[in-house]
Amino acid sequence: MNSDMVFIQQYAVPYFGVLAVGARLLNIGYKVDVFIESIEPDLDSLKNLNPRLIGISCMSPEHKWLINISKAIRRELPHAVIIAGGVHAMLYPEEILKETDVDLVCHSEGEEVILKVIAETGKPTHDWSSIHGIAYRNASKQYVFNPRAEVVPYDDAILEDRSFYYNRYPQLAKDTVHRFISSRGCPYKCSFCYNAVLRDALKGKGVYVRQKSAGNFIKELSAQCS
């Protein structure tokens, strides 16, 4: 079973970032899967999915886990392209390149970035230099930080789709509490939150605070809760 992209995460809940990127890929026709390491600690089933691209989504408290899981994936799938994403990757790309076995770090919002990365994985040799939104090691093992990509506006033509979570892990669909997000970005600067730092990092890359249309959000709720 060949997947175009497999998302790997530690915790057994749908991640909003994974859902957003996954919906974009599914809308174009790519085959997307998810692998939750806390449910499946054995990587054999990941090998069976034989992905072109592996995306690891993590938060900053999971940095040590990211180190360990990236090394384990590299041992089992030495030729796979591995990209790290999420807020941790957006804020600390250099630390991730220094300490993990990932090939790429997505330091921007991922929907458009991943489309370009996955297209590049289909070529005999990979040239990451023109893809805004990623950091990587070049042939000389130097760290390269491409410019950040533009922020991603919501597209009402694309509905969030949790099917790739529920198909692999039906128990998640039985959760009595489902989580949804209707907006992206935050106008506030709370001292305990990463938001102010992230907003500064993406300054000049587009409208930071965005909302789904009411109609689109109602469709999303109806589709996932029916």
Foldseek 3Di string as FASTA:
>chain_A
DEFQEEEEEADQADDPLCLVQVLLCVVVPGGYAYHHCNVPVDCPVVVVHHYQEYEYEDDPVCLVVQQVVQVVCCVVPVPHAYEYEDCCLLQPVPVCLVRHNHFKYQNERPNVLVVVVSVQSVDPDHDCAPRARMWGQDPVRDIDHHHHAAHDADDLVTARDCVSSCVVPVVNLVDPDHDDDFKFADPDDDPVDCRVVSCVSNPPRDDGIYGHDPVSVVVNCVVSVD
